[in-house]
N, C-alpha and C. Protein backbone atom coordinates (compact mmCIF):
# COMPACT_ATOMS: atom_id res chain seq x y z
N MET A 1 11.45 20.28 150.47
CA MET A 1 12.58 19.51 149.83
C MET A 1 12.03 17.95 150.74
N LEU A 2 12.30 16.44 150.08
CA LEU A 2 11.70 15.50 150.55
C LEU A 2 12.63 15.25 151.96
N GLU A 3 13.77 15.73 152.01
CA GLU A 3 14.46 15.73 153.17
C GLU A 3 13.71 16.35 154.76
N GLU A 4 13.30 17.49 154.48
CA GLU A 4 12.34 17.81 155.21
C GLU A 4 11.28 17.20 155.79
N LEU A 5 10.32 16.81 154.64
CA LEU A 5 9.36 16.02 155.16
C LEU A 5 9.46 14.69 155.45
N ALA A 6 10.33 14.02 154.82
CA ALA A 6 10.41 12.34 155.65
C ALA A 6 11.70 12.55 156.51
N ARG A 7 11.93 13.57 157.31
CA ARG A 7 12.87 13.33 157.84
C ARG A 7 12.82 12.38 159.51
N VAL A 8 13.30 11.89 159.74
CA VAL A 8 13.36 10.77 161.00
C VAL A 8 14.54 10.55 161.65
N MET A 9 14.26 11.95 162.21
CA MET A 9 15.83 12.50 163.17
C MET A 9 15.39 11.71 164.65
N THR A 10 14.12 11.61 164.46
CA THR A 10 13.82 11.12 165.96
C THR A 10 13.86 9.67 166.36
N LEU A 11 14.58 8.90 165.37
CA LEU A 11 15.32 7.74 165.56
C LEU A 11 16.45 7.97 166.76
N PRO A 12 16.77 6.88 167.67
CA PRO A 12 17.81 6.83 168.41
C PRO A 12 19.00 6.81 167.39
N PHE A 13 20.27 7.53 167.79
CA PHE A 13 21.22 7.64 166.96
C PHE A 13 22.27 6.62 167.68
N ARG A 14 22.62 5.41 166.82
CA ARG A 14 23.80 4.67 167.67
C ARG A 14 25.00 5.49 167.68
N SER A 15 25.91 5.22 168.84
CA SER A 15 27.11 5.68 168.75
C SER A 15 28.10 5.61 167.48
N LEU A 16 28.68 6.61 166.95
CA LEU A 16 29.30 6.51 165.65
C LEU A 16 31.13 6.24 166.04
N GLU A 17 31.50 5.77 167.20
CA GLU A 17 32.61 5.33 167.70
C GLU A 17 32.85 4.33 166.76
N LYS A 18 32.01 3.25 166.76
CA LYS A 18 32.33 2.21 166.08
C LYS A 18 32.89 2.75 164.23
N ALA A 19 32.00 3.79 164.18
CA ALA A 19 32.28 4.13 162.55
C ALA A 19 33.69 4.74 162.63
N VAL A 20 33.75 5.35 163.56
CA VAL A 20 35.24 6.35 163.31
C VAL A 20 36.73 5.59 163.65
N THR A 21 36.21 4.64 164.82
CA THR A 21 37.33 3.74 165.30
C THR A 21 37.16 2.19 165.21
N GLY A 22 36.42 1.77 164.21
CA GLY A 22 36.31 0.29 163.88
C GLY A 22 37.64 -0.48 164.00
N SER A 23 37.40 -1.65 163.47
CA SER A 23 38.56 -2.92 163.46
C SER A 23 38.91 -2.96 161.97
N MET A 24 38.98 -2.03 161.10
CA MET A 24 39.22 -2.37 159.51
C MET A 24 40.89 -2.25 159.90
N SER A 25 41.31 -3.57 159.48
CA SER A 25 42.92 -3.73 159.42
C SER A 25 43.58 -2.92 158.84
N THR A 26 44.80 -2.22 159.08
CA THR A 26 45.60 -1.74 158.54
C THR A 26 46.87 -2.25 158.19
N ASN A 27 47.01 -3.61 158.20
CA ASN A 27 47.89 -4.96 157.93
C ASN A 27 48.25 -4.66 156.27
N ILE A 28 49.10 -4.27 155.92
CA ILE A 28 49.37 -4.56 154.21
C ILE A 28 49.12 -5.74 153.52
N THR A 29 49.17 -6.78 154.72
CA THR A 29 48.82 -8.19 153.83
C THR A 29 46.96 -8.37 153.81
N ASP A 30 46.65 -7.67 154.32
CA ASP A 30 45.18 -7.72 154.25
C ASP A 30 44.65 -6.44 153.26
N LYS A 31 45.39 -5.48 153.03
CA LYS A 31 44.65 -4.49 151.95
C LYS A 31 43.97 -4.88 151.05
N ASN A 32 43.16 -4.42 150.70
CA ASN A 32 42.49 -4.80 149.31
C ASN A 32 42.71 -3.90 148.02
N TYR A 33 43.12 -2.65 148.31
CA TYR A 33 43.64 -1.61 147.50
C TYR A 33 42.29 -0.85 146.69
N LYS A 34 40.95 -0.78 147.22
CA LYS A 34 40.11 -0.39 146.86
C LYS A 34 39.41 0.40 147.93
N LYS A 35 38.64 1.27 147.45
CA LYS A 35 38.27 2.68 148.53
C LYS A 35 36.83 2.53 147.89
N LEU A 36 35.64 3.10 148.83
CA LEU A 36 34.19 3.23 148.48
C LEU A 36 33.57 3.97 149.21
N SER A 37 33.54 5.31 148.29
CA SER A 37 32.64 6.33 148.48
C SER A 37 30.74 6.29 148.16
N LEU A 38 30.44 6.57 148.81
CA LEU A 38 28.79 6.66 149.14
C LEU A 38 28.46 8.04 149.15
N GLN A 39 27.67 8.58 148.30
CA GLN A 39 26.60 9.75 148.06
C GLN A 39 25.28 9.08 148.75
N VAL A 40 24.79 9.69 150.00
CA VAL A 40 23.68 9.31 150.28
C VAL A 40 22.45 10.45 150.37
N THR A 41 21.28 10.03 149.87
CA THR A 41 20.39 10.78 150.36
C THR A 41 18.82 10.13 150.75
N LEU A 42 17.78 10.05 150.59
CA LEU A 42 16.37 9.86 151.24
C LEU A 42 16.04 9.40 150.04
N ASN A 43 16.08 9.70 148.93
CA ASN A 43 15.40 9.27 147.77
C ASN A 43 16.42 8.64 146.62
N GLY A 44 17.52 8.02 147.17
CA GLY A 44 18.35 7.42 146.09
C GLY A 44 19.91 7.69 146.60
N PHE A 45 21.17 6.90 145.78
CA PHE A 45 22.29 7.08 146.39
C PHE A 45 23.13 6.66 144.96
N SER A 46 24.33 7.58 145.33
CA SER A 46 25.47 6.71 144.10
C SER A 46 26.75 6.43 145.14
N PHE A 47 27.03 5.56 144.43
CA PHE A 47 28.60 4.97 144.99
C PHE A 47 29.55 4.86 143.89
N CYS A 48 30.85 5.13 144.18
CA CYS A 48 31.87 4.68 143.55
C CYS A 48 33.37 4.04 144.16
N ILE A 49 33.60 3.23 143.47
CA ILE A 49 34.80 2.33 143.96
C ILE A 49 36.18 2.65 143.00
N ILE A 50 37.32 2.84 143.61
CA ILE A 50 38.18 3.45 143.23
C ILE A 50 39.40 2.55 143.59
N ASP A 51 40.31 2.13 142.72
CA ASP A 51 41.54 1.27 142.58
C ASP A 51 42.50 2.18 143.07
N THR A 52 42.94 1.98 144.44
CA THR A 52 43.80 3.05 145.04
C THR A 52 45.05 2.56 144.39
N LEU A 53 45.37 1.51 144.15
CA LEU A 53 46.70 0.77 143.83
C LEU A 53 46.87 1.66 142.47
N ASN A 54 46.20 1.63 141.88
CA ASN A 54 46.22 2.39 140.13
C ASN A 54 45.53 3.81 140.25
N THR A 55 45.08 4.32 141.03
CA THR A 55 44.61 5.37 141.06
C THR A 55 43.37 5.67 140.03
N LYS A 56 42.43 4.78 139.99
CA LYS A 56 41.57 4.63 138.64
C LYS A 56 40.21 4.20 139.58
N ILE A 57 39.18 4.85 138.69
CA ILE A 57 37.42 4.48 139.07
C ILE A 57 37.26 3.24 138.36
N VAL A 58 36.97 2.35 139.34
CA VAL A 58 36.39 0.91 138.33
C VAL A 58 34.76 0.54 138.35
N SER A 59 34.61 1.47 139.47
CA SER A 59 32.36 1.81 139.09
C SER A 59 32.27 2.99 139.77
N LEU A 60 31.25 3.44 138.89
CA LEU A 60 30.71 4.44 139.18
C LEU A 60 29.00 4.26 138.62
N LYS A 61 28.30 4.31 140.24
CA LYS A 61 26.75 4.03 139.69
C LYS A 61 25.99 4.77 140.38
N GLU A 62 24.57 5.03 139.95
CA GLU A 62 23.64 5.88 140.82
C GLU A 62 22.39 5.42 141.23
N ILE A 63 21.72 4.94 141.93
CA ILE A 63 20.33 4.14 142.41
C ILE A 63 19.59 5.52 142.46
N ASP A 64 18.47 4.87 141.87
CA ASP A 64 17.16 5.81 142.16
C ASP A 64 16.05 5.46 142.84
N PHE A 65 15.75 5.63 143.89
CA PHE A 65 14.72 4.85 144.77
C PHE A 65 13.24 4.83 143.99
N ASN A 66 12.99 5.93 142.84
CA ASN A 66 11.89 6.12 142.35
C ASN A 66 11.18 4.61 141.60
N ASP A 67 12.64 3.84 141.22
CA ASP A 67 12.44 2.80 140.32
C ASP A 67 12.16 1.79 141.43
N PHE A 68 12.20 1.58 142.68
CA PHE A 68 12.24 0.99 143.47
C PHE A 68 10.62 0.74 144.01
N PRO A 69 9.95 -0.49 144.62
CA PRO A 69 8.91 -0.66 144.97
C PRO A 69 8.62 0.42 146.36
N THR A 70 7.18 0.80 146.64
CA THR A 70 7.02 1.73 147.43
C THR A 70 7.27 1.29 148.84
N SER A 71 7.67 1.90 149.53
CA SER A 71 7.95 1.57 150.95
C SER A 71 8.15 2.90 151.85
N SER A 72 7.58 2.39 153.21
CA SER A 72 7.53 3.75 153.97
C SER A 72 8.95 3.87 154.78
N LYS A 73 10.07 2.90 154.43
CA LYS A 73 11.45 3.14 155.31
C LYS A 73 12.34 2.74 153.96
N VAL A 74 12.83 3.87 154.41
CA VAL A 74 14.06 4.48 153.17
C VAL A 74 15.40 3.27 153.58
N GLU A 75 15.48 2.66 154.75
CA GLU A 75 16.06 1.49 154.84
C GLU A 75 15.81 0.22 154.14
N ASP A 76 14.63 0.15 153.71
CA ASP A 76 14.12 -1.04 152.69
C ASP A 76 15.02 -0.93 151.56
N HIS A 77 14.93 0.57 150.89
CA HIS A 77 15.22 0.45 149.52
C HIS A 77 16.86 0.59 149.66
N TYR A 78 17.49 1.12 151.02
CA TYR A 78 18.95 0.77 150.94
C TYR A 78 19.27 -0.89 151.22
N TRP A 79 18.28 -1.53 151.63
CA TRP A 79 18.64 -3.04 151.85
C TRP A 79 18.38 -3.49 150.51
N LYS A 80 17.47 -3.18 149.62
CA LYS A 80 17.15 -3.77 148.25
C LYS A 80 18.56 -3.43 147.58
N ALA A 81 18.78 -2.32 147.52
CA ALA A 81 19.98 -1.79 146.71
C ALA A 81 21.35 -2.72 146.73
N PHE A 82 21.27 -3.11 147.97
CA PHE A 82 22.79 -3.59 148.79
C PHE A 82 22.91 -5.05 148.07
N ASN A 83 21.69 -5.83 148.26
CA ASN A 83 21.22 -7.23 147.45
C ASN A 83 21.40 -6.84 145.85
N ASP A 84 21.10 -6.04 145.27
CA ASP A 84 21.12 -5.73 143.60
C ASP A 84 22.30 -5.57 143.17
N TYR A 85 23.02 -5.07 144.27
CA TYR A 85 24.61 -4.31 143.90
C TYR A 85 25.64 -5.27 144.86
N PRO A 86 25.91 -6.48 144.42
CA PRO A 86 26.66 -7.13 145.40
C PRO A 86 28.20 -6.56 145.83
N GLU A 87 28.50 -5.55 144.98
CA GLU A 87 29.91 -4.82 145.14
C GLU A 87 29.81 -4.13 146.33
N LEU A 88 28.91 -3.86 146.83
CA LEU A 88 28.59 -2.95 147.90
C LEU A 88 29.05 -3.76 149.13
N LYS A 89 28.92 -4.84 148.71
CA LYS A 89 29.14 -5.81 150.44
C LYS A 89 30.41 -6.28 150.11
N GLU A 90 31.37 -6.15 149.42
CA GLU A 90 32.99 -6.47 149.43
C GLU A 90 33.65 -5.66 150.46
N LYS A 91 34.92 -5.92 150.61
CA LYS A 91 36.00 -5.26 151.41
C LYS A 91 36.35 -4.46 150.95
N TYR A 92 36.50 -3.32 151.84
CA TYR A 92 37.48 -2.04 151.24
C TYR A 92 37.93 -1.61 152.24
N ASP A 93 39.61 -0.84 151.88
CA ASP A 93 40.30 -0.34 153.05
C ASP A 93 39.84 0.96 153.33
N GLU A 94 39.08 1.37 152.97
CA GLU A 94 38.30 2.93 153.36
C GLU A 94 37.12 2.96 152.66
N ILE A 95 35.96 3.36 153.51
CA ILE A 95 34.72 3.87 153.54
C ILE A 95 34.73 5.39 153.79
N ILE A 96 34.09 6.04 152.65
CA ILE A 96 33.77 7.58 153.31
C ILE A 96 32.07 7.55 152.56
N VAL A 97 31.51 8.11 153.58
CA VAL A 97 30.04 8.07 153.37
C VAL A 97 29.43 9.79 153.37
N LEU A 98 28.88 10.35 152.29
CA LEU A 98 28.95 11.82 152.10
C LEU A 98 27.53 12.10 151.92
N HIS A 99 27.02 12.54 152.89
CA HIS A 99 25.61 13.23 153.12
C HIS A 99 25.21 14.23 152.59
N ASP A 100 24.28 14.16 151.84
CA ASP A 100 23.75 15.21 150.73
C ASP A 100 22.52 16.04 150.85
N SER A 101 22.36 16.63 151.72
CA SER A 101 20.84 17.49 152.03
C SER A 101 21.21 18.92 152.40
N ASN A 102 20.23 19.77 152.26
CA ASN A 102 20.20 21.17 152.86
C ASN A 102 20.03 21.66 153.95
N LEU A 103 20.14 20.49 154.71
CA LEU A 103 20.02 20.59 156.64
C LEU A 103 21.78 21.09 156.77
N ASP A 104 21.99 22.31 156.44
CA ASP A 104 23.56 22.52 156.85
C ASP A 104 23.65 24.02 157.03
N THR A 105 24.86 24.44 157.56
CA THR A 105 24.93 25.84 157.31
C THR A 105 26.81 25.76 157.55
N PHE A 106 27.45 26.69 157.00
CA PHE A 106 28.37 27.16 157.51
C PHE A 106 28.96 28.06 158.73
N VAL A 107 29.76 28.18 159.63
CA VAL A 107 30.04 28.80 161.04
C VAL A 107 31.42 29.40 161.13
N PRO A 108 32.18 30.52 160.85
CA PRO A 108 33.49 31.07 161.25
C PRO A 108 33.51 30.09 162.91
N ASN A 109 35.08 30.07 162.87
CA ASN A 109 35.40 29.71 163.81
C ASN A 109 35.16 30.83 164.79
N ALA A 110 35.08 32.21 164.70
CA ALA A 110 35.22 32.99 165.81
C ALA A 110 33.65 32.77 166.40
N LEU A 111 32.92 31.95 165.55
CA LEU A 111 31.44 32.45 166.03
C LEU A 111 31.12 31.03 166.68
N PHE A 112 32.03 30.16 166.54
CA PHE A 112 31.31 28.50 166.69
C PHE A 112 31.16 28.31 167.95
N ASP A 113 30.74 27.32 168.61
CA ASP A 113 30.80 26.91 169.88
C ASP A 113 30.20 25.40 169.46
N GLU A 114 31.08 24.01 169.88
CA GLU A 114 30.08 22.79 169.50
C GLU A 114 28.97 22.53 170.49
N GLU A 115 29.02 23.31 171.71
CA GLU A 115 28.06 22.85 172.67
C GLU A 115 26.49 23.29 172.07
N PHE A 116 26.72 24.29 171.05
CA PHE A 116 25.65 24.59 170.39
C PHE A 116 24.95 24.54 168.95
N LEU A 117 25.52 23.57 168.62
CA LEU A 117 25.49 23.47 167.08
C LEU A 117 23.85 23.87 166.24
N GLY A 118 22.63 23.11 167.33
CA GLY A 118 21.40 23.32 166.75
C GLY A 118 20.94 24.86 166.57
N SER A 119 21.75 25.57 167.19
CA SER A 119 21.30 27.03 166.99
C SER A 119 21.73 27.75 165.81
N TYR A 120 22.94 27.12 165.16
CA TYR A 120 23.43 27.54 164.01
C TYR A 120 22.44 27.13 162.81
N LEU A 121 21.55 26.02 163.06
CA LEU A 121 20.95 25.49 161.99
C LEU A 121 19.14 26.21 162.21
N GLN A 122 19.00 26.82 163.14
CA GLN A 122 17.60 27.10 163.44
C GLN A 122 17.26 28.32 162.59
N TYR A 123 17.73 29.04 162.07
CA TYR A 123 17.45 30.05 160.82
C TYR A 123 17.07 29.64 159.55
N ASN A 124 17.84 28.50 159.10
CA ASN A 124 17.57 28.07 157.82
C ASN A 124 16.81 26.57 157.50
N THR A 125 16.19 26.02 158.81
CA THR A 125 15.52 24.79 158.99
C THR A 125 15.24 24.68 160.27
N LYS A 126 14.31 23.93 159.94
CA LYS A 126 13.03 23.67 161.28
C LYS A 126 14.13 22.72 162.00
N VAL A 127 14.57 22.87 163.46
CA VAL A 127 15.10 22.21 164.41
C VAL A 127 14.49 21.35 165.50
N PHE A 128 14.63 20.26 165.92
CA PHE A 128 13.78 19.65 167.00
C PHE A 128 15.00 19.21 168.12
N GLU A 129 14.45 19.03 169.06
CA GLU A 129 15.35 18.83 170.28
C GLU A 129 16.20 17.48 170.28
N THR A 130 14.98 16.53 169.52
CA THR A 130 15.58 15.36 169.20
C THR A 130 16.58 14.84 167.77
N ASP A 131 16.83 15.97 167.19
CA ASP A 131 17.97 16.06 166.24
C ASP A 131 19.35 15.83 166.63
N PHE A 132 19.82 15.14 165.94
CA PHE A 132 21.42 15.06 166.26
C PHE A 132 22.00 15.50 165.30
N PHE A 133 22.87 16.37 165.84
CA PHE A 133 23.83 17.24 165.05
C PHE A 133 25.35 16.81 164.68
N ALA A 134 26.23 16.99 163.59
CA ALA A 134 27.40 16.99 163.60
C ALA A 134 27.93 18.16 163.11
N PHE A 135 29.65 18.08 163.28
CA PHE A 135 30.08 19.22 162.21
C PHE A 135 31.32 18.64 161.63
N ASP A 136 31.70 19.18 160.43
CA ASP A 136 32.96 19.09 159.91
C ASP A 136 33.78 20.26 160.16
N ALA A 137 35.28 20.57 160.56
CA ALA A 137 35.87 21.16 160.64
C ALA A 137 36.96 21.32 159.49
N LEU A 138 37.14 22.74 159.10
CA LEU A 138 37.54 23.31 157.76
C LEU A 138 38.59 23.92 158.24
N PRO A 139 40.00 23.58 159.14
CA PRO A 139 40.93 24.47 159.86
C PRO A 139 41.74 24.93 158.83
N ASN A 140 42.11 24.81 157.82
CA ASN A 140 42.74 25.66 156.78
C ASN A 140 42.19 26.95 156.50
N TYR A 141 40.98 27.06 156.67
CA TYR A 141 39.59 28.36 156.53
C TYR A 141 38.87 28.72 157.18
N GLU A 142 39.58 28.14 158.69
CA GLU A 142 38.75 28.68 159.64
C GLU A 142 37.19 28.67 159.85
N LEU A 143 36.76 27.47 159.15
CA LEU A 143 35.43 27.41 159.32
C LEU A 143 34.94 25.89 159.50
N ASN A 144 33.92 26.02 160.11
CA ASN A 144 33.02 24.50 160.40
C ASN A 144 31.83 24.46 160.38
N HIS A 145 31.61 23.25 159.22
CA HIS A 145 30.14 23.05 158.72
C HIS A 145 29.43 22.08 159.55
N VAL A 146 28.26 22.67 160.12
CA VAL A 146 27.24 21.90 161.19
C VAL A 146 26.16 21.67 160.14
N PHE A 147 25.79 20.36 160.21
CA PHE A 147 24.41 19.38 159.95
C PHE A 147 24.27 18.79 160.37
N ILE A 148 22.55 18.07 160.04
CA ILE A 148 21.95 17.15 160.49
C ILE A 148 22.35 15.85 159.55
N PRO A 149 22.96 15.02 159.97
CA PRO A 149 22.97 13.66 159.19
C PRO A 149 21.99 13.20 159.37
N PHE A 150 21.69 12.16 158.24
CA PHE A 150 20.79 10.96 157.82
C PHE A 150 21.07 9.92 159.14
N VAL A 151 20.20 9.80 160.41
CA VAL A 151 20.75 8.94 161.13
C VAL A 151 20.17 7.44 160.69
N ASN A 152 18.90 7.48 160.13
CA ASN A 152 18.83 6.23 159.79
C ASN A 152 19.52 5.47 158.98
N ILE A 153 20.42 6.05 157.88
CA ILE A 153 21.23 5.76 156.92
C ILE A 153 22.30 5.58 157.85
N ASN A 154 22.78 6.10 158.40
CA ASN A 154 24.10 5.65 158.98
C ASN A 154 23.60 4.53 159.88
N ASN A 155 22.54 4.60 160.54
CA ASN A 155 22.50 3.36 161.46
C ASN A 155 22.35 2.03 160.75
N TYR A 156 21.71 2.18 159.12
CA TYR A 156 21.81 1.07 158.26
C TYR A 156 23.45 0.28 157.98
N LEU A 157 24.18 1.41 157.79
CA LEU A 157 25.28 1.49 157.03
C LEU A 157 26.40 1.12 158.42
N LEU A 158 26.08 1.17 159.62
CA LEU A 158 26.49 0.57 160.56
C LEU A 158 26.73 -1.11 160.52
N ASP A 159 25.32 -1.28 160.31
CA ASP A 159 25.23 -2.77 160.11
C ASP A 159 25.60 -3.59 159.01
N GLN A 160 26.51 -2.75 157.86
CA GLN A 160 27.00 -3.47 156.31
C GLN A 160 28.37 -3.15 156.72
N PHE A 161 28.99 -2.35 157.53
CA PHE A 161 30.65 -2.01 157.36
C PHE A 161 30.97 -1.92 158.38
N PRO A 162 32.34 -2.44 158.56
CA PRO A 162 32.99 -2.80 160.10
C PRO A 162 33.26 -1.43 160.98
N THR A 163 33.61 -0.27 159.64
CA THR A 163 34.03 1.04 160.21
C THR A 163 33.70 1.98 158.74
N PHE A 164 33.65 3.24 159.25
CA PHE A 164 33.68 4.43 158.11
C PHE A 164 33.68 5.90 158.41
N ASN A 165 33.65 6.29 157.92
CA ASN A 165 33.88 8.03 157.98
C ASN A 165 32.55 8.64 157.46
N TYR A 166 32.01 9.79 157.84
CA TYR A 166 30.75 10.27 156.93
C TYR A 166 31.53 11.99 157.07
N LYS A 167 30.82 12.49 156.23
CA LYS A 167 30.88 14.09 156.15
C LYS A 167 29.73 14.69 155.29
N HIS A 168 29.57 15.88 155.46
CA HIS A 168 28.39 16.19 154.42
C HIS A 168 29.12 16.71 153.47
N ILE A 169 28.59 16.56 152.05
CA ILE A 169 29.47 16.71 150.83
C ILE A 169 29.74 18.16 150.63
N ASN A 170 28.87 19.18 151.13
CA ASN A 170 29.44 20.20 150.97
C ASN A 170 30.50 20.76 151.18
N THR A 171 31.02 19.87 152.61
CA THR A 171 32.38 20.23 153.06
C THR A 171 33.49 19.89 152.33
N ILE A 172 33.23 18.77 151.22
CA ILE A 172 34.37 18.67 150.08
C ILE A 172 34.03 19.48 149.13
N LEU A 173 33.28 20.22 148.91
CA LEU A 173 32.78 20.85 147.59
C LEU A 173 33.32 22.48 147.95
N VAL A 174 33.20 22.73 149.35
CA VAL A 174 33.62 24.23 149.78
C VAL A 174 35.24 24.28 149.83
N SER A 175 35.42 23.19 150.37
CA SER A 175 37.18 22.97 150.69
C SER A 175 37.78 22.99 149.30
N LYS A 176 37.35 22.18 148.12
CA LYS A 176 37.92 22.00 146.90
C LYS A 176 37.87 23.19 146.21
N LEU A 177 36.84 24.38 146.78
CA LEU A 177 36.72 25.32 145.50
C LEU A 177 37.53 26.57 146.47
N LEU A 178 37.47 26.36 147.92
CA LEU A 178 38.56 27.46 148.52
C LEU A 178 40.09 26.86 148.36
N GLU A 179 40.33 25.80 147.69
CA GLU A 179 41.45 25.40 147.31
C GLU A 179 41.86 25.94 146.20
N LEU A 180 41.00 25.89 145.02
CA LEU A 180 40.84 26.17 143.63
C LEU A 180 41.36 28.33 143.86
N VAL A 181 40.64 28.30 144.54
CA VAL A 181 40.73 30.16 144.70
C VAL A 181 41.99 30.72 145.01
N PHE A 182 42.64 29.83 145.83
CA PHE A 182 43.73 30.19 146.55
C PHE A 182 45.08 29.87 145.64
N LYS A 183 44.85 28.54 144.89
CA LYS A 183 45.68 28.58 144.02
C LYS A 183 45.85 29.16 142.74
N VAL A 184 44.63 29.64 141.99
CA VAL A 184 44.36 30.20 140.96
C VAL A 184 44.52 31.77 140.87
N THR A 185 44.04 31.97 142.43
CA THR A 185 43.86 33.41 143.06
C THR A 185 42.91 34.31 142.04
N PHE A 186 42.04 33.35 141.93
CA PHE A 186 40.56 34.10 141.43
C PHE A 186 40.25 35.37 142.98
N SER A 187 40.20 36.38 142.29
CA SER A 187 39.50 37.29 143.30
C SER A 187 37.62 37.06 143.56
N PHE A 188 37.15 36.49 142.69
CA PHE A 188 35.87 36.12 142.89
C PHE A 188 35.36 34.69 142.14
N LEU A 189 34.74 33.89 143.13
CA LEU A 189 34.50 32.88 142.08
C LEU A 189 33.01 32.06 142.87
N VAL A 190 32.03 32.01 141.48
CA VAL A 190 30.72 31.48 141.61
C VAL A 190 30.90 30.26 141.32
N TYR A 191 30.41 29.38 142.01
CA TYR A 191 29.96 27.90 141.45
C TYR A 191 28.61 27.39 141.48
N ALA A 192 27.88 27.01 140.38
CA ALA A 192 26.39 26.69 140.36
C ALA A 192 26.72 25.17 139.86
N SER A 193 25.37 24.67 140.27
CA SER A 193 25.03 23.26 139.87
C SER A 193 23.36 23.14 139.67
N ILE A 194 23.15 22.24 138.76
CA ILE A 194 21.44 22.14 138.66
C ILE A 194 21.24 20.52 138.50
N VAL A 195 20.77 19.57 139.27
CA VAL A 195 20.80 18.07 139.13
C VAL A 195 19.29 17.77 139.23
N ARG A 196 18.35 17.90 138.04
CA ARG A 196 17.51 17.56 138.30
C ARG A 196 16.37 18.87 139.00
N THR A 197 15.91 18.38 140.24
CA THR A 197 15.00 19.39 140.85
C THR A 197 16.04 20.42 141.70
N LEU A 198 17.05 19.95 141.89
CA LEU A 198 17.97 20.91 142.89
C LEU A 198 18.97 21.64 142.32
N PHE A 199 18.76 23.15 143.07
CA PHE A 199 19.85 24.09 142.81
C PHE A 199 20.54 24.33 143.78
N GLU A 200 22.01 24.35 143.40
CA GLU A 200 23.18 24.43 144.32
C GLU A 200 24.19 25.66 144.09
N SER A 201 24.51 26.84 145.09
CA SER A 201 25.52 27.50 144.23
C SER A 201 26.26 27.77 145.64
N VAL A 202 27.55 28.62 145.18
CA VAL A 202 28.76 28.68 146.18
C VAL A 202 29.20 29.76 145.76
N ALA A 203 29.24 30.79 146.59
CA ALA A 203 30.29 32.18 146.34
C ALA A 203 31.40 32.57 147.19
N LEU A 204 32.40 32.55 146.60
CA LEU A 204 33.55 32.78 147.28
C LEU A 204 34.33 34.12 146.69
N GLU A 205 35.01 35.07 147.83
CA GLU A 205 35.97 35.82 147.36
C GLU A 205 36.97 35.85 147.93
N SER A 206 38.11 36.11 147.32
CA SER A 206 39.48 35.48 147.76
C SER A 206 39.43 34.17 148.47
N ILE A 207 40.06 34.27 149.41
CA ILE A 207 39.79 33.00 149.88
C ILE A 207 38.48 32.46 150.82
N ALA A 208 37.68 33.55 151.13
CA ALA A 208 36.56 33.53 152.14
C ALA A 208 35.20 33.12 151.37
N LEU A 209 34.86 32.35 152.04
CA LEU A 209 33.07 31.72 151.78
C LEU A 209 32.61 32.82 152.05
N GLN A 210 31.35 33.18 151.02
CA GLN A 210 30.88 34.46 151.00
C GLN A 210 29.12 34.01 151.00
N ASN A 211 28.69 32.69 150.64
CA ASN A 211 27.38 32.31 150.51
C ASN A 211 27.58 30.93 150.13
N THR A 212 26.56 30.08 150.39
CA THR A 212 25.75 29.02 149.83
C THR A 212 24.58 28.78 150.04
N LEU A 213 23.67 28.48 148.86
CA LEU A 213 22.46 27.99 148.87
C LEU A 213 22.13 26.88 148.05
N SER A 214 20.71 26.17 148.51
CA SER A 214 20.38 24.93 148.30
C SER A 214 19.13 24.75 148.23
N PHE A 215 18.43 25.12 146.76
CA PHE A 215 17.34 24.42 147.21
C PHE A 215 16.42 23.93 145.52
């Protein structure tokens, strides 16, 4: 996978305190009633702008870096995209960044220790001492999703937005599927997706996650 080959996790990762507790105003007079969602990878990204007042999507676009001039830095591609799509530079009430990669794994609460995040990933990807690890908690399902975020992309976005939250995209997918299984009372559910050269599947039994695959 490109994520493995072009990984740049050796870059120093600036504190995400700014990203979580930034100065974005909650004053109703300052609200724009717009939300921005970004799905980021190393070879492109997509973004969705939502009108939160009317609960509708006003823009949905996908950017493929294969269409861009060759560059050794993925940040150069993001810089060009932000210039090509000025709506990305507008003000938003909420910004969420979804990291899309196969550098992730799910860990049940009973086996989870925040001090040893890297140890959970060493069985399905090569882990380095310099890697930065993050996790998303799914408390309703007693799960934690451990992953390696794209450090360089987060750092670039910190220069573009006053604050944002980030998660792994599979956190959203699995939580929604578990919610569906609970509501519809499926005994077994398999979700599969094929996008270009990427195949992903999620298997759930009752309200328990059984397996996730991405290749």
